[in-house]
C-alpha atoms as a PDB file:
ATOM      1  CA  MET A   1      52.925  93.339  43.444  1.00  0.00           C
ATOM      2  CA  ILE A   2      57.189  93.005  42.643  1.00  0.00           C
ATOM      3  CA  PRO A   3      57.692  88.908  42.759  1.00  0.00           C
ATOM      4  CA  ALA A   4      59.691  87.136  44.814  1.00  0.00           C
ATOM      5  CA  ARG A   5      63.195  86.204  43.057  1.00  0.00           C
ATOM      6  CA  SER A   6      63.977  83.295  43.157  1.00  0.00           C
ATOM      7  CA  ASP A   7      67.949  84.049  41.281  1.00  0.00           C
ATOM      8  CA  SER A   8      70.566  81.576  43.148  1.00  0.00           C
ATOM      9  CA  LEU A   9      74.206  82.071  42.142  1.00  0.00           C
ATOM     10  CA  ILE A  10      75.982  78.800  41.848  1.00  0.00           C
ATOM     11  CA  LEU A  11      79.622  78.887  42.268  1.00  0.00           C
ATOM     12  CA  GLU A  12      82.120  76.650  41.327  1.00  0.00           C
ATOM     13  CA  VAL A  13      85.133  74.506  41.823  1.00  0.00           C
ATOM     14  CA  ALA A  14      86.292  72.118  38.333  1.00  0.00           C
ATOM     15  CA  ASP A  15      88.851  69.064  37.942  1.00  0.00           C
ATOM     16  CA  LEU A  16      90.823  70.020  41.564  1.00  0.00           C
ATOM     17  CA  VAL A  17      93.338  66.716  41.124  1.00  0.00           C
ATOM     18  CA  VAL A  18      93.629  65.458  45.085  1.00  0.00           C
ATOM     19  CA  ASP A  19      95.875  62.591  46.144  1.00  0.00           C
ATOM     20  CA  VAL A  20      93.977  60.488  48.869  1.00  0.00           C
ATOM     21  CA  HIS A  21      94.442  57.878  50.665  1.00  0.00           C
ATOM     22  CA  THR A  22      90.645  56.473  49.568  1.00  0.00           C
ATOM     23  CA  GLY A  23      89.725  52.196  48.279  1.00  0.00           C
ATOM     24  CA  ILE A  24      88.941  48.984  49.520  1.00  0.00           C
ATOM     25  CA  TYR A  25      91.531  47.060  47.150  1.00  0.00           C
ATOM     26  CA  SER A  26      95.301  46.458  48.672  1.00  0.00           C
ATOM     27  CA  GLU A  27      96.471  48.131  45.462  1.00  0.00           C
ATOM     28  CA  GLU A  28      94.520  51.304  46.228  1.00  0.00           C
ATOM     29  CA  THR A  29      95.543  50.953  49.851  1.00  0.00           C
ATOM     30  CA  GLY A  30      98.281  52.110  51.740  1.00  0.00           C
ATOM     31  CA  GLN A  31      99.872  54.944  49.105  1.00  0.00           C
ATOM     32  CA  PRO A  32      97.328  58.385  47.943  1.00  0.00           C
ATOM     33  CA  GLN A  33      95.324  58.081  45.209  1.00  0.00           C
ATOM     34  CA  PRO A  34      94.560  60.910  42.798  1.00  0.00           C
ATOM     35  CA  LEU A  35      91.240  62.092  42.932  1.00  0.00           C
ATOM     36  CA  ARG A  36      89.813  64.539  40.309  1.00  0.00           C
ATOM     37  CA  ILE A  37      87.434  67.195  42.021  1.00  0.00           C
ATOM     38  CA  SER A  38      84.734  69.383  41.447  1.00  0.00           C
ATOM     39  CA  ILE A  39      82.646  71.262  43.017  1.00  0.00           C
ATOM     40  CA  THR A  40      79.285  73.268  43.381  1.00  0.00           C
ATOM     41  CA  ALA A  41      78.022  74.928  46.251  1.00  0.00           C
ATOM     42  CA  ARG A  42      74.407  77.123  46.341  1.00  0.00           C
ATOM     43  CA  LEU A  43      74.049  80.037  48.075  1.00  0.00           C
ATOM     44  CA  GLY A  44      70.627  81.431  48.375  1.00  0.00           C
ATOM     45  CA  PRO A  45      68.966  84.430  46.594  1.00  0.00           C
ATOM     46  CA  ALA A  46      71.461  86.241  45.170  1.00  0.00           C
ATOM     47  CA  GLU A  47      71.386  90.293  44.856  1.00  0.00           C
ATOM     48  CA  HIS A  48      72.169  92.215  42.125  1.00  0.00           C
ATOM     49  CA  TYR A  49      75.912  92.843  41.989  1.00  0.00           C
ATOM     50  CA  ALA A  50      77.140  96.220  40.916  1.00  0.00           C
ATOM     51  CA  PRO A  51      81.208  96.408  39.571  1.00  0.00           C
ATOM     52  CA  ASP A  52      81.571  97.723  43.669  1.00  0.00           C
ATOM     53  CA  THR A  53      80.073  95.212  45.389  1.00  0.00           C
ATOM     54  CA  PRO A  54      82.874  93.613  47.829  1.00  0.00           C
ATOM     55  CA  LEU A  55      84.284  90.099  48.435  1.00  0.00           C
ATOM     56  CA  ALA A  56      81.133  89.349  51.385  1.00  0.00           C
ATOM     57  CA  ALA A  57      78.326  89.724  49.217  1.00  0.00           C
ATOM     58  CA  SER A  58      79.075  86.826  48.045  1.00  0.00           C
ATOM     59  CA  LYS A  59      81.419  83.054  49.172  1.00  0.00           C
ATOM     60  CA  ASN A  60      85.772  83.285  47.719  1.00  0.00           C
ATOM     61  CA  TYR A  61      86.113  80.603  45.927  1.00  0.00           C
ATOM     62  CA  MET A  62      88.885  79.437  47.359  1.00  0.00           C
ATOM     63  CA  ASP A  63      86.865  77.805  50.603  1.00  0.00           C
ATOM     64  CA  LEU A  64      85.717  75.107  48.448  1.00  0.00           C
ATOM     65  CA  LYS A  65      89.518  73.979  47.095  1.00  0.00           C
ATOM     66  CA  PHE A  66      89.870  73.907  50.597  1.00  0.00           C
ATOM     67  CA  ALA A  67      87.446  71.862  51.504  1.00  0.00           C
ATOM     68  CA  ALA A  68      89.185  69.471  48.862  1.00  0.00           C
ATOM     69  CA  THR A  69      92.695  70.148  49.759  1.00  0.00           C
ATOM     70  CA  GLN A  70      93.923  71.410  53.204  1.00  0.00           C
ATOM     71  CA  ALA A  71      90.528  70.675  54.686  1.00  0.00           C
ATOM     72  CA  LEU A  72      90.604  66.984  53.852  1.00  0.00           C
ATOM     73  CA  PRO A  73      92.431  64.581  57.004  1.00  0.00           C
ATOM     74  CA  PRO A  74      96.315  64.292  56.643  1.00  0.00           C
ATOM     75  CA  GLY A  75      96.656  60.537  57.272  1.00  0.00           C
ATOM     76  CA  VAL A  76      93.569  59.538  56.814  1.00  0.00           C
ATOM     77  CA  HIS A  77      91.932  56.845  55.013  1.00  0.00           C
ATOM     78  CA  PHE A  78      88.637  56.819  53.835  1.00  0.00           C
ATOM     79  CA  THR A  79      87.672  53.590  52.062  1.00  0.00           C
ATOM     80  CA  LEU A  80      84.815  55.180  49.805  1.00  0.00           C
ATOM     81  CA  ILE A  81      84.847  57.881  48.240  1.00  0.00           C
ATOM     82  CA  GLU A  82      81.477  58.873  48.965  1.00  0.00           C
ATOM     83  CA  ALA A  83      83.433  59.341  52.429  1.00  0.00           C
ATOM     84  CA  VAL A  84      85.077  62.680  50.645  1.00  0.00           C
ATOM     85  CA  ALA A  85      82.595  63.358  48.923  1.00  0.00           C
ATOM     86  CA  ASP A  86      80.494  63.962  52.528  1.00  0.00           C
ATOM     87  CA  HIS A  87      83.578  65.304  54.072  1.00  0.00           C
ATOM     88  CA  ILE A  88      83.928  68.438  51.877  1.00  0.00           C
ATOM     89  CA  CYS A  89      79.859  68.487  51.907  1.00  0.00           C
ATOM     90  CA  GLU A  90      80.666  69.064  55.467  1.00  0.00           C
ATOM     91  CA  THR A  91      83.376  71.757  55.225  1.00  0.00           C
ATOM     92  CA  VAL A  92      81.412  74.287  53.121  1.00  0.00           C
ATOM     93  CA  PHE A  93      78.626  73.822  55.218  1.00  0.00           C
ATOM     94  CA  VAL A  94      79.972  74.735  57.936  1.00  0.00           C
ATOM     95  CA  GLY A  95      82.488  77.282  56.207  1.00  0.00           C
ATOM     96  CA  ASP A  96      79.266  79.824  55.696  1.00  0.00           C
ATOM     97  CA  PRO A  97      75.363  79.414  56.656  1.00  0.00           C
ATOM     98  CA  ARG A  98      74.464  80.965  53.709  1.00  0.00           C
ATOM     99  CA  VAL A  99      75.561  78.811  51.361  1.00  0.00           C
ATOM    100  CA  GLU A 100      72.354  76.355  51.061  1.00  0.00           C
ATOM    101  CA  ALA A 101      73.609  72.987  49.255  1.00  0.00           C
ATOM    102  CA  VAL A 102      77.167  71.081  47.852  1.00  0.00           C
ATOM    103  CA  THR A 103      77.614  68.936  45.505  1.00  0.00           C
ATOM    104  CA  VAL A 104      80.772  67.310  44.989  1.00  0.00           C
ATOM    105  CA  LYS A 105      81.360  65.347  41.575  1.00  0.00           C
ATOM    106  CA  ILE A 106      84.824  63.328  42.588  1.00  0.00           C
ATOM    107  CA  VAL A 107      86.301  60.816  39.467  1.00  0.00           C
ATOM    108  CA  LYS A 108      88.645  58.611  40.423  1.00  0.00           C
ATOM    109  CA  LEU A 109      91.608  58.413  38.262  1.00  0.00           C
ATOM    110  CA  ALA A 110      93.590  55.738  39.321  1.00  0.00           C
ATOM    111  CA  ILE A 111      91.271  52.686  37.786  1.00  0.00           C
ATOM    112  CA  ALA A 112      90.674  53.906  34.213  1.00  0.00           C
ATOM    113  CA  GLU A 113      92.109  52.262  30.754  1.00  0.00           C
ATOM    114  CA  ALA A 114      90.667  54.889  27.642  1.00  0.00           C
ATOM    115  CA  GLY A 115      89.811  57.548  29.599  1.00  0.00           C
ATOM    116  CA  GLU A 116      86.304  57.095  30.750  1.00  0.00           C
ATOM    117  CA  GLN A 117      85.534  58.888  34.449  1.00  0.00           C
ATOM    118  CA  ILE A 118      84.820  55.867  36.889  1.00  0.00           C
ATOM    119  CA  GLY A 119      83.283  57.738  40.152  1.00  0.00           C
ATOM    120  CA  MET A 120      79.872  59.120  42.350  1.00  0.00           C
ATOM    121  CA  THR A 121      78.709  63.009  42.557  1.00  0.00           C
ATOM    122  CA  LEU A 122      76.394  63.559  46.277  1.00  0.00           C
ATOM    123  CA  HIS A 123      74.215  66.731  46.264  1.00  0.00           C
ATOM    124  CA  ARG A 124      72.827  67.289  49.853  1.00  0.00           C
ATOM    125  CA  GLU A 125      70.892  70.171  50.592  1.00  0.00           C
ATOM    126  CA  ARG A 126      71.413  72.298  53.779  1.00  0.00           C
ATOM    127  CA  ARG A 127      69.395  69.827  56.867  1.00  0.00           C
END
């Protein structure tokens, strides 16, 4: 008996810097602030990928980048960066039913004083 495969494919886009209207303090509101956004998306059991495997067997990485850039609604103020991450997760899920889980890490660049990374990570499994 051949054991079931438990492979998965993890796609990543890391360290995108995106200007987003977010924050609760007066110095944060009214103008966009830079966020460093990294996204991982897990797809279900991976098949074997031969040299001539077409893109349709995977997912286009640019879909992840799109979710963190052009898919964010222009002019909308997100009070919390958690809401930005939530929007990105939902955009990735809607874009491809094969995505089983999404993780979004956001670092608020404008509040770092000594190069530290201040932010959050949201991990969501498909419901």
